[in-house]
All heavy atoms as atom14 arrays in JSON, in Angstrom:
{
  "sequence": "PSLHVGSMVQIMMLRRLQQAGHKPIVLMGGGTTKVGDPSGKDESR",
  "atom14_mask": [
    [1, 1, 1, 1, 1, 1, 1, 0, 0, 0, 0, 0, 0, 0],
    [1, 1, 1, 1, 1, 1, 0, 0, 0, 0, 0, 0, 0, 0],
    [1, 1, 1, 1, 1, 1, 1, 1, 0, 0, 0, 0, 0, 0],
    [1, 1, 1, 1, 1, 1, 1, 1, 1, 1, 0, 0, 0, 0],
    [1, 1, 1, 1, 1, 1, 1, 0, 0, 0, 0, 0, 0, 0],
    [1, 1, 1, 1, 0, 0, 0, 0, 0, 0, 0, 0, 0, 0],
    [1, 1, 1, 1, 1, 1, 0, 0, 0, 0, 0, 0, 0, 0],
    [1, 1, 1, 1, 1, 1, 1, 1, 0, 0, 0, 0, 0, 0],
    [1, 1, 1, 1, 1, 1, 1, 0, 0, 0, 0, 0, 0, 0],
    [1, 1, 1, 1, 1, 1, 1, 1, 1, 0, 0, 0, 0, 0],
    [1, 1, 1, 1, 1, 1, 1, 1, 0, 0, 0, 0, 0, 0],
    [1, 1, 1, 1, 1, 1, 1, 1, 0, 0, 0, 0, 0, 0],
    [1, 1, 1, 1, 1, 1, 1, 1, 0, 0, 0, 0, 0, 0],
    [1, 1, 1, 1, 1, 1, 1, 1, 0, 0, 0, 0, 0, 0],
    [1, 1, 1, 1, 1, 1, 1, 1, 1, 1, 1, 0, 0, 0],
    [1, 1, 1, 1, 1, 1, 1, 1, 1, 1, 1, 0, 0, 0],
    [1, 1, 1, 1, 1, 1, 1, 1, 0, 0, 0, 0, 0, 0],
    [1, 1, 1, 1, 1, 1, 1, 1, 1, 0, 0, 0, 0, 0],
    [1, 1, 1, 1, 1, 1, 1, 1, 1, 0, 0, 0, 0, 0],
    [1, 1, 1, 1, 1, 0, 0, 0, 0, 0, 0, 0, 0, 0],
    [1, 1, 1, 1, 0, 0, 0, 0, 0, 0, 0, 0, 0, 0],
    [1, 1, 1, 1, 1, 1, 1, 1, 1, 1, 0, 0, 0, 0],
    [1, 1, 1, 1, 1, 1, 1, 1, 1, 0, 0, 0, 0, 0],
    [1, 1, 1, 1, 1, 1, 1, 0, 0, 0, 0, 0, 0, 0],
    [1, 1, 1, 1, 1, 1, 1, 1, 0, 0, 0, 0, 0, 0],
    [1, 1, 1, 1, 1, 1, 1, 0, 0, 0, 0, 0, 0, 0],
    [1, 1, 1, 1, 1, 1, 1, 1, 0, 0, 0, 0, 0, 0],
    [1, 1, 1, 1, 1, 1, 1, 1, 0, 0, 0, 0, 0, 0],
    [1, 1, 1, 1, 0, 0, 0, 0, 0, 0, 0, 0, 0, 0],
    [1, 1, 1, 1, 0, 0, 0, 0, 0, 0, 0, 0, 0, 0],
    [1, 1, 1, 1, 0, 0, 0, 0, 0, 0, 0, 0, 0, 0],
    [1, 1, 1, 1, 1, 1, 1, 0, 0, 0, 0, 0, 0, 0],
    [1, 1, 1, 1, 1, 1, 1, 0, 0, 0, 0, 0, 0, 0],
    [1, 1, 1, 1, 1, 1, 1, 1, 1, 0, 0, 0, 0, 0],
    [1, 1, 1, 1, 1, 1, 1, 0, 0, 0, 0, 0, 0, 0],
    [1, 1, 1, 1, 0, 0, 0, 0, 0, 0, 0, 0, 0, 0],
    [1, 1, 1, 1, 1, 1, 1, 1, 0, 0, 0, 0, 0, 0],
    [1, 1, 1, 1, 1, 1, 1, 0, 0, 0, 0, 0, 0, 0],
    [1, 1, 1, 1, 1, 1, 0, 0, 0, 0, 0, 0, 0, 0],
    [1, 1, 1, 1, 0, 0, 0, 0, 0, 0, 0, 0, 0, 0],
    [1, 1, 1, 1, 1, 1, 1, 1, 1, 0, 0, 0, 0, 0],
    [1, 1, 1, 1, 1, 1, 1, 1, 0, 0, 0, 0, 0, 0],
    [1, 1, 1, 1, 1, 1, 1, 1, 1, 0, 0, 0, 0, 0],
    [1, 1, 1, 1, 1, 1, 0, 0, 0, 0, 0, 0, 0, 0],
    [1, 1, 1, 1, 1, 1, 1, 1, 1, 1, 1, 0, 0, 0]
  ],
  "atom14_positions": [
    [[4.47, -11.55, -3.94], [4.8, -11.95, -2.57], [5.56, -10.91, -1.75], [5.67, -11.05, -0.57], [5.69, -13.16, -2.75], [5.46, -13.65, -4.17], [5.15, -12.36, -4.93], [0.0, 0.0, 0.0], [0.0, 0.0, 0.0], [0.0, 0.0, 0.0], [0.0, 0.0, 0.0], [0.0, 0.0, 0.0], [0.0, 0.0, 0.0], [0.0, 0.0, 0.0]],
    [[6.04, -9.92, -2.42], [6.76, -8.81, -1.69], [6.39, -7.47, -2.28], [6.18, -7.31, -3.48], [8.28, -9.0, -1.78], [9.0, -7.92, -1.23], [0.0, 0.0, 0.0], [0.0, 0.0, 0.0], [0.0, 0.0, 0.0], [0.0, 0.0, 0.0], [0.0, 0.0, 0.0], [0.0, 0.0, 0.0], [0.0, 0.0, 0.0], [0.0, 0.0, 0.0]],
    [[6.4, -6.41, -1.46], [6.37, -5.1, -1.93], [7.8, -4.72, -2.29], [8.75, -5.38, -1.89], [5.79, -4.08, -0.78], [4.41, -4.39, -0.36], [4.02, -3.45, 0.82], [3.36, -4.29, -1.46], [0.0, 0.0, 0.0], [0.0, 0.0, 0.0], [0.0, 0.0, 0.0], [0.0, 0.0, 0.0], [0.0, 0.0, 0.0], [0.0, 0.0, 0.0]],
    [[8.01, -3.57, -3.0], [9.31, -3.11, -3.32], [9.58, -1.74, -2.67], [8.67, -1.15, -2.1], [9.68, -3.18, -4.79], [8.68, -2.27, -5.69], [8.74, -0.99, -5.62], [7.79, -2.73, -6.56], [7.88, -0.53, -6.55], [7.27, -1.52, -7.07], [0.0, 0.0, 0.0], [0.0, 0.0, 0.0], [0.0, 0.0, 0.0], [0.0, 0.0, 0.0]],
    [[10.73, -1.21, -2.93], [11.11, 0.01, -2.28], [10.25, 1.15, -2.63], [10.09, 2.12, -1.88], [12.6, 0.32, -2.59], [12.95, 1.74, -2.3], [13.57, -0.59, -1.86], [0.0, 0.0, 0.0], [0.0, 0.0, 0.0], [0.0, 0.0, 0.0], [0.0, 0.0, 0.0], [0.0, 0.0, 0.0], [0.0, 0.0, 0.0], [0.0, 0.0, 0.0]],
    [[9.58, 1.09, -3.76], [8.63, 2.14, -4.12], [7.46, 2.22, -3.09], [6.79, 3.33, -3.12], [0.0, 0.0, 0.0], [0.0, 0.0, 0.0], [0.0, 0.0, 0.0], [0.0, 0.0, 0.0], [0.0, 0.0, 0.0], [0.0, 0.0, 0.0], [0.0, 0.0, 0.0], [0.0, 0.0, 0.0], [0.0, 0.0, 0.0], [0.0, 0.0, 0.0]],
    [[7.26, 1.24, -2.27], [6.21, 1.36, -1.28], [6.71, 1.84, 0.12], [5.98, 1.99, 0.96], [5.56, -0.08, -1.06], [4.9, -0.53, -2.24], [0.0, 0.0, 0.0], [0.0, 0.0, 0.0], [0.0, 0.0, 0.0], [0.0, 0.0, 0.0], [0.0, 0.0, 0.0], [0.0, 0.0, 0.0], [0.0, 0.0, 0.0], [0.0, 0.0, 0.0]],
    [[8.0, 2.08, 0.15], [8.65, 2.4, 1.41], [8.11, 3.68, 2.05], [7.97, 3.79, 3.28], [10.16, 2.49, 1.27], [10.84, 1.12, 1.5], [10.54, 0.44, 3.14], [11.18, 1.74, 4.19], [0.0, 0.0, 0.0], [0.0, 0.0, 0.0], [0.0, 0.0, 0.0], [0.0, 0.0, 0.0], [0.0, 0.0, 0.0], [0.0, 0.0, 0.0]],
    [[7.83, 4.71, 1.2], [7.33, 6.0, 1.75], [5.98, 5.72, 2.44], [5.76, 6.19, 3.53], [7.14, 7.05, 0.62], [6.39, 8.27, 1.18], [8.48, 7.49, 0.1], [0.0, 0.0, 0.0], [0.0, 0.0, 0.0], [0.0, 0.0, 0.0], [0.0, 0.0, 0.0], [0.0, 0.0, 0.0], [0.0, 0.0, 0.0], [0.0, 0.0, 0.0]],
    [[5.12, 4.91, 1.86], [3.82, 4.58, 2.47], [3.96, 3.82, 3.74], [3.3, 4.05, 4.76], [2.9, 3.83, 1.46], [2.91, 4.46, 0.06], [2.71, 5.94, -0.01], [1.95, 6.39, 0.79], [3.27, 6.59, -0.95], [0.0, 0.0, 0.0], [0.0, 0.0, 0.0], [0.0, 0.0, 0.0], [0.0, 0.0, 0.0], [0.0, 0.0, 0.0]],
    [[4.9, 2.92, 3.8], [5.11, 2.05, 5.02], [5.75, 2.97, 6.07], [5.25, 2.92, 7.23], [6.13, 0.96, 4.65], [5.5, -0.08, 3.7], [6.51, 0.21, 6.03], [6.49, -1.19, 3.2], [0.0, 0.0, 0.0], [0.0, 0.0, 0.0], [0.0, 0.0, 0.0], [0.0, 0.0, 0.0], [0.0, 0.0, 0.0], [0.0, 0.0, 0.0]],
    [[6.6, 3.85, 5.72], [7.19, 4.79, 6.7], [6.12, 5.77, 7.22], [6.13, 6.18, 8.38], [8.35, 5.51, 6.17], [9.58, 4.67, 5.9], [10.2, 3.82, 7.45], [10.81, 5.23, 8.37], [0.0, 0.0, 0.0], [0.0, 0.0, 0.0], [0.0, 0.0, 0.0], [0.0, 0.0, 0.0], [0.0, 0.0, 0.0], [0.0, 0.0, 0.0]],
    [[5.16, 6.15, 6.36], [4.05, 7.05, 6.77], [3.24, 6.36, 7.92], [2.9, 6.97, 8.91], [3.17, 7.34, 5.65], [3.76, 8.35, 4.66], [3.22, 10.02, 5.02], [1.6, 9.99, 4.3], [0.0, 0.0, 0.0], [0.0, 0.0, 0.0], [0.0, 0.0, 0.0], [0.0, 0.0, 0.0], [0.0, 0.0, 0.0], [0.0, 0.0, 0.0]],
    [[2.97, 5.07, 7.76], [2.25, 4.29, 8.8], [3.05, 4.18, 10.09], [2.52, 4.39, 11.22], [1.84, 2.96, 8.3], [0.82, 2.87, 7.18], [0.63, 1.45, 6.65], [-0.56, 3.35, 7.75], [0.0, 0.0, 0.0], [0.0, 0.0, 0.0], [0.0, 0.0, 0.0], [0.0, 0.0, 0.0], [0.0, 0.0, 0.0], [0.0, 0.0, 0.0]],
    [[4.38, 4.15, 9.93], [5.3, 4.1, 11.03], [5.25, 5.39, 11.83], [5.18, 5.44, 13.03], [6.69, 3.71, 10.61], [7.7, 3.64, 11.69], [9.07, 3.14, 11.2], [10.12, 3.15, 12.22], [10.35, 2.12, 13.12], [9.57, 1.04, 12.96], [11.34, 2.22, 13.96], [0.0, 0.0, 0.0], [0.0, 0.0, 0.0], [0.0, 0.0, 0.0]],
    [[5.32, 6.45, 11.07], [5.26, 7.88, 11.62], [3.97, 8.09, 12.36], [3.86, 8.65, 13.51], [5.4, 8.93, 10.62], [6.71, 8.84, 9.81], [7.97, 9.03, 10.62], [9.1, 8.94, 9.81], [10.24, 8.41, 10.12], [10.39, 7.88, 11.37], [11.31, 8.42, 9.34], [0.0, 0.0, 0.0], [0.0, 0.0, 0.0], [0.0, 0.0, 0.0]],
    [[2.88, 7.53, 11.82], [1.52, 7.63, 12.38], [1.56, 6.99, 13.8], [1.07, 7.53, 14.77], [0.55, 7.02, 11.45], [-1.01, 7.11, 11.86], [-1.51, 8.52, 11.59], [-1.84, 6.1, 11.11], [0.0, 0.0, 0.0], [0.0, 0.0, 0.0], [0.0, 0.0, 0.0], [0.0, 0.0, 0.0], [0.0, 0.0, 0.0], [0.0, 0.0, 0.0]],
    [[2.07, 5.78, 13.83], [2.1, 5.03, 15.11], [3.11, 5.76, 16.09], [2.79, 5.83, 17.29], [2.55, 3.57, 14.94], [2.4, 2.77, 16.16], [2.53, 1.27, 15.86], [3.47, 0.8, 15.2], [1.5, 0.47, 16.28], [0.0, 0.0, 0.0], [0.0, 0.0, 0.0], [0.0, 0.0, 0.0], [0.0, 0.0, 0.0], [0.0, 0.0, 0.0]],
    [[4.27, 6.22, 15.67], [5.18, 6.89, 16.45], [4.56, 8.2, 17.12], [4.97, 8.55, 18.21], [6.47, 7.24, 15.71], [7.3, 6.07, 15.34], [8.47, 6.44, 14.37], [8.36, 7.38, 13.66], [9.51, 5.65, 14.44], [0.0, 0.0, 0.0], [0.0, 0.0, 0.0], [0.0, 0.0, 0.0], [0.0, 0.0, 0.0], [0.0, 0.0, 0.0]],
    [[3.65, 8.8, 16.4], [2.97, 10.05, 16.98], [1.83, 9.69, 17.8], [1.06, 10.61, 18.23], [2.57, 10.87, 15.78], [0.0, 0.0, 0.0], [0.0, 0.0, 0.0], [0.0, 0.0, 0.0], [0.0, 0.0, 0.0], [0.0, 0.0, 0.0], [0.0, 0.0, 0.0], [0.0, 0.0, 0.0], [0.0, 0.0, 0.0], [0.0, 0.0, 0.0]],
    [[1.57, 8.4, 18.12], [0.52, 8.05, 19.05], [-0.82, 7.7, 18.44], [-1.89, 7.77, 19.1], [0.0, 0.0, 0.0], [0.0, 0.0, 0.0], [0.0, 0.0, 0.0], [0.0, 0.0, 0.0], [0.0, 0.0, 0.0], [0.0, 0.0, 0.0], [0.0, 0.0, 0.0], [0.0, 0.0, 0.0], [0.0, 0.0, 0.0], [0.0, 0.0, 0.0]],
    [[-0.8, 7.4, 17.16], [-2.09, 7.09, 16.46], [-2.1, 5.64, 15.96], [-1.21, 4.93, 16.18], [-2.27, 8.06, 15.28], [-2.28, 9.52, 15.69], [-3.35, 10.1, 16.36], [-1.35, 10.52, 15.62], [-3.09, 11.34, 16.64], [-1.84, 11.63, 16.22], [0.0, 0.0, 0.0], [0.0, 0.0, 0.0], [0.0, 0.0, 0.0], [0.0, 0.0, 0.0]],
    [[-3.17, 5.26, 15.35], [-3.39, 3.85, 14.97], [-3.23, 3.63, 13.51], [-4.14, 4.05, 12.71], [-4.82, 3.44, 15.46], [-5.03, 1.89, 15.32], [-6.42, 1.48, 15.87], [-6.61, -0.03, 15.87], [-5.73, -0.76, 16.83], [0.0, 0.0, 0.0], [0.0, 0.0, 0.0], [0.0, 0.0, 0.0], [0.0, 0.0, 0.0], [0.0, 0.0, 0.0]],
    [[-2.23, 2.83, 13.09], [-2.08, 2.51, 11.67], [-2.89, 1.33, 11.24], [-2.99, 0.25, 11.99], [-0.6, 2.21, 11.51], [-0.1, 2.01, 12.93], [-1.07, 2.33, 13.87], [0.0, 0.0, 0.0], [0.0, 0.0, 0.0], [0.0, 0.0, 0.0], [0.0, 0.0, 0.0], [0.0, 0.0, 0.0], [0.0, 0.0, 0.0], [0.0, 0.0, 0.0]],
    [[-3.58, 1.43, 10.18], [-4.33, 0.35, 9.62], [-3.78, -0.03, 8.22], [-3.69, 0.85, 7.34], [-5.84, 0.66, 9.33], [-6.48, 1.02, 10.74], [-6.64, -0.47, 8.72], [-7.94, 1.62, 10.62], [0.0, 0.0, 0.0], [0.0, 0.0, 0.0], [0.0, 0.0, 0.0], [0.0, 0.0, 0.0], [0.0, 0.0, 0.0], [0.0, 0.0, 0.0]],
    [[-3.17, -1.23, 8.1], [-2.68, -1.74, 6.85], [-3.79, -2.39, 6.14], [-4.31, -3.5, 6.53], [-1.48, -2.71, 7.06], [-0.91, -3.09, 5.74], [-0.48, -2.12, 7.93], [0.0, 0.0, 0.0], [0.0, 0.0, 0.0], [0.0, 0.0, 0.0], [0.0, 0.0, 0.0], [0.0, 0.0, 0.0], [0.0, 0.0, 0.0], [0.0, 0.0, 0.0]],
    [[-4.28, -1.78, 5.06], [-5.35, -2.34, 4.27], [-4.8, -3.17, 3.06], [-4.23, -2.59, 2.18], [-6.34, -1.34, 3.68], [-7.45, -1.84, 2.86], [-8.4, -2.66, 3.76], [-8.24, -0.67, 2.24], [0.0, 0.0, 0.0], [0.0, 0.0, 0.0], [0.0, 0.0, 0.0], [0.0, 0.0, 0.0], [0.0, 0.0, 0.0], [0.0, 0.0, 0.0]],
    [[-4.89, -4.47, 3.15], [-4.49, -5.33, 2.06], [-5.61, -5.48, 1.03], [-6.82, -5.79, 1.48], [-4.01, -6.64, 2.56], [-2.74, -6.62, 3.46], [-1.37, -5.69, 2.68], [-1.19, -6.63, 1.16], [0.0, 0.0, 0.0], [0.0, 0.0, 0.0], [0.0, 0.0, 0.0], [0.0, 0.0, 0.0], [0.0, 0.0, 0.0], [0.0, 0.0, 0.0]],
    [[-5.31, -5.35, -0.16], [-6.32, -5.39, -1.23], [-6.63, -6.8, -1.71], [-6.52, -7.07, -2.95], [0.0, 0.0, 0.0], [0.0, 0.0, 0.0], [0.0, 0.0, 0.0], [0.0, 0.0, 0.0], [0.0, 0.0, 0.0], [0.0, 0.0, 0.0], [0.0, 0.0, 0.0], [0.0, 0.0, 0.0], [0.0, 0.0, 0.0], [0.0, 0.0, 0.0]],
    [[-7.04, -7.68, -0.78], [-7.44, -8.97, -1.26], [-8.6, -8.94, -2.25], [-8.72, -9.87, -3.06], [0.0, 0.0, 0.0], [0.0, 0.0, 0.0], [0.0, 0.0, 0.0], [0.0, 0.0, 0.0], [0.0, 0.0, 0.0], [0.0, 0.0, 0.0], [0.0, 0.0, 0.0], [0.0, 0.0, 0.0], [0.0, 0.0, 0.0], [0.0, 0.0, 0.0]],
    [[-9.49, -7.96, -2.04], [-10.62, -7.9, -2.97], [-10.26, -7.06, -4.2], [-10.51, -7.48, -5.37], [0.0, 0.0, 0.0], [0.0, 0.0, 0.0], [0.0, 0.0, 0.0], [0.0, 0.0, 0.0], [0.0, 0.0, 0.0], [0.0, 0.0, 0.0], [0.0, 0.0, 0.0], [0.0, 0.0, 0.0], [0.0, 0.0, 0.0], [0.0, 0.0, 0.0]],
    [[-9.62, -5.89, -4.05], [-9.27, -5.08, -5.24], [-8.23, -5.65, -6.03], [-8.1, -5.33, -7.22], [-8.88, -3.61, -4.78], [-8.05, -3.75, -3.61], [-10.12, -2.8, -4.38], [0.0, 0.0, 0.0], [0.0, 0.0, 0.0], [0.0, 0.0, 0.0], [0.0, 0.0, 0.0], [0.0, 0.0, 0.0], [0.0, 0.0, 0.0], [0.0, 0.0, 0.0]],
    [[-7.33, -6.53, -5.49], [-6.31, -7.15, -6.34], [-6.95, -8.07, -7.35], [-6.39, -8.27, -8.44], [-5.38, -7.97, -5.41], [-4.7, -7.15, -4.54], [-4.27, -8.7, -6.29], [0.0, 0.0, 0.0], [0.0, 0.0, 0.0], [0.0, 0.0, 0.0], [0.0, 0.0, 0.0], [0.0, 0.0, 0.0], [0.0, 0.0, 0.0], [0.0, 0.0, 0.0]],
    [[-8.21, -8.54, -7.07], [-8.92, -9.35, -8.03], [-9.43, -8.54, -9.25], [-9.8, -9.08, -10.27], [-10.11, -10.01, -7.38], [-9.69, -11.03, -6.28], [-10.94, -11.48, -5.51], [-10.46, -12.38, -4.3], [-11.61, -12.74, -3.48], [0.0, 0.0, 0.0], [0.0, 0.0, 0.0], [0.0, 0.0, 0.0], [0.0, 0.0, 0.0], [0.0, 0.0, 0.0]],
    [[-9.43, -7.2, -9.02], [-9.84, -6.3, -10.08], [-8.63, -5.64, -10.85], [-8.53, -5.73, -12.04], [-10.67, -5.13, -9.44], [-11.11, -4.14, -10.53], [-11.97, -5.68, -8.84], [0.0, 0.0, 0.0], [0.0, 0.0, 0.0], [0.0, 0.0, 0.0], [0.0, 0.0, 0.0], [0.0, 0.0, 0.0], [0.0, 0.0, 0.0], [0.0, 0.0, 0.0]],
    [[-7.69, -5.13, -10.07], [-6.51, -4.55, -10.67], [-6.6, -3.02, -10.77], [-7.5, -2.49, -11.45], [0.0, 0.0, 0.0], [0.0, 0.0, 0.0], [0.0, 0.0, 0.0], [0.0, 0.0, 0.0], [0.0, 0.0, 0.0], [0.0, 0.0, 0.0], [0.0, 0.0, 0.0], [0.0, 0.0, 0.0], [0.0, 0.0, 0.0], [0.0, 0.0, 0.0]],
    [[-5.66, -2.3, -10.16], [-5.62, -0.89, -10.19], [-5.02, -0.48, -11.57], [-3.91, -0.76, -11.85], [-4.7, -0.37, -9.04], [-4.62, 1.14, -8.93], [-5.3, 1.81, -9.8], [-3.95, 1.62, -8.09], [0.0, 0.0, 0.0], [0.0, 0.0, 0.0], [0.0, 0.0, 0.0], [0.0, 0.0, 0.0], [0.0, 0.0, 0.0], [0.0, 0.0, 0.0]],
    [[-5.77, 0.31, -12.29], [-5.26, 0.8, -13.64], [-4.33, 1.98, -13.52], [-3.74, 2.41, -14.5], [-6.59, 1.22, -14.3], [-7.48, 1.67, -13.26], [-7.16, 0.8, -12.06], [0.0, 0.0, 0.0], [0.0, 0.0, 0.0], [0.0, 0.0, 0.0], [0.0, 0.0, 0.0], [0.0, 0.0, 0.0], [0.0, 0.0, 0.0], [0.0, 0.0, 0.0]],
    [[-4.13, 2.52, -12.34], [-3.26, 3.67, -12.18], [-1.86, 3.41, -12.64], [-1.19, 2.43, -12.15], [-3.2, 4.17, -10.68], [-4.48, 4.52, -10.24], [0.0, 0.0, 0.0], [0.0, 0.0, 0.0], [0.0, 0.0, 0.0], [0.0, 0.0, 0.0], [0.0, 0.0, 0.0], [0.0, 0.0, 0.0], [0.0, 0.0, 0.0], [0.0, 0.0, 0.0]],
    [[-1.3, 4.23, -13.52], [0.05, 4.14, -14.02], [0.25, 2.89, -14.81], [1.43, 2.5, -15.11], [0.0, 0.0, 0.0], [0.0, 0.0, 0.0], [0.0, 0.0, 0.0], [0.0, 0.0, 0.0], [0.0, 0.0, 0.0], [0.0, 0.0, 0.0], [0.0, 0.0, 0.0], [0.0, 0.0, 0.0], [0.0, 0.0, 0.0], [0.0, 0.0, 0.0]],
    [[-0.74, 2.19, -15.28], [-0.58, 0.98, -16.03], [-1.03, 1.19, -17.54], [-2.01, 1.84, -17.81], [-1.41, -0.24, -15.45], [-1.02, -0.5, -14.02], [0.42, -0.95, -13.87], [0.83, -1.13, -12.34], [2.25, -1.42, -12.25], [0.0, 0.0, 0.0], [0.0, 0.0, 0.0], [0.0, 0.0, 0.0], [0.0, 0.0, 0.0], [0.0, 0.0, 0.0]],
    [[-0.26, 0.63, -18.45], [-0.62, 0.71, -19.85], [-1.47, -0.49, -20.28], [-2.03, -0.46, -21.4], [0.7, 0.71, -20.71], [1.47, 2.03, -20.51], [0.85, 3.03, -20.13], [2.73, 2.06, -20.82], [0.0, 0.0, 0.0], [0.0, 0.0, 0.0], [0.0, 0.0, 0.0], [0.0, 0.0, 0.0], [0.0, 0.0, 0.0], [0.0, 0.0, 0.0]],
    [[-1.53, -1.47, -19.5], [-2.34, -2.66, -19.87], [-2.87, -3.34, -18.69], [-2.44, -3.01, -17.54], [-1.41, -3.68, -20.64], [-0.15, -4.1, -19.87], [0.76, -4.97, -20.69], [0.72, -4.9, -21.93], [1.53, -5.74, -20.06], [0.0, 0.0, 0.0], [0.0, 0.0, 0.0], [0.0, 0.0, 0.0], [0.0, 0.0, 0.0], [0.0, 0.0, 0.0]],
    [[-3.76, -4.26, -18.8], [-4.43, -4.91, -17.75], [-3.47, -5.81, -17.05], [-2.61, -6.44, -17.63], [-5.63, -5.76, -18.23], [-6.62, -4.95, -18.89], [0.0, 0.0, 0.0], [0.0, 0.0, 0.0], [0.0, 0.0, 0.0], [0.0, 0.0, 0.0], [0.0, 0.0, 0.0], [0.0, 0.0, 0.0], [0.0, 0.0, 0.0], [0.0, 0.0, 0.0]],
    [[-3.62, -5.93, -15.74], [-2.75, -6.9, -14.92], [-3.34, -8.28, -15.03], [-4.49, -8.46, -15.27], [-2.76, -6.46, -13.42], [-2.26, -5.12, -13.14], [-2.06, -4.93, -11.66], [-1.74, -3.51, -11.33], [-1.24, -3.2, -10.17], [-0.98, -4.13, -9.25], [-0.89, -1.92, -9.88], [0.0, 0.0, 0.0], [0.0, 0.0, 0.0], [0.0, 0.0, 0.0]]
  ]
}
């Protein structure tokens, strides 16, 4: 239900993008969450 501080750099990148006059797109993985990102994981989610 919440992201943690480890996602803050990415959130701030989107903020910087908007501050510089560009358009941020927050892509929520409603589809890919059903699969599970194996990056950095020792076991299936």
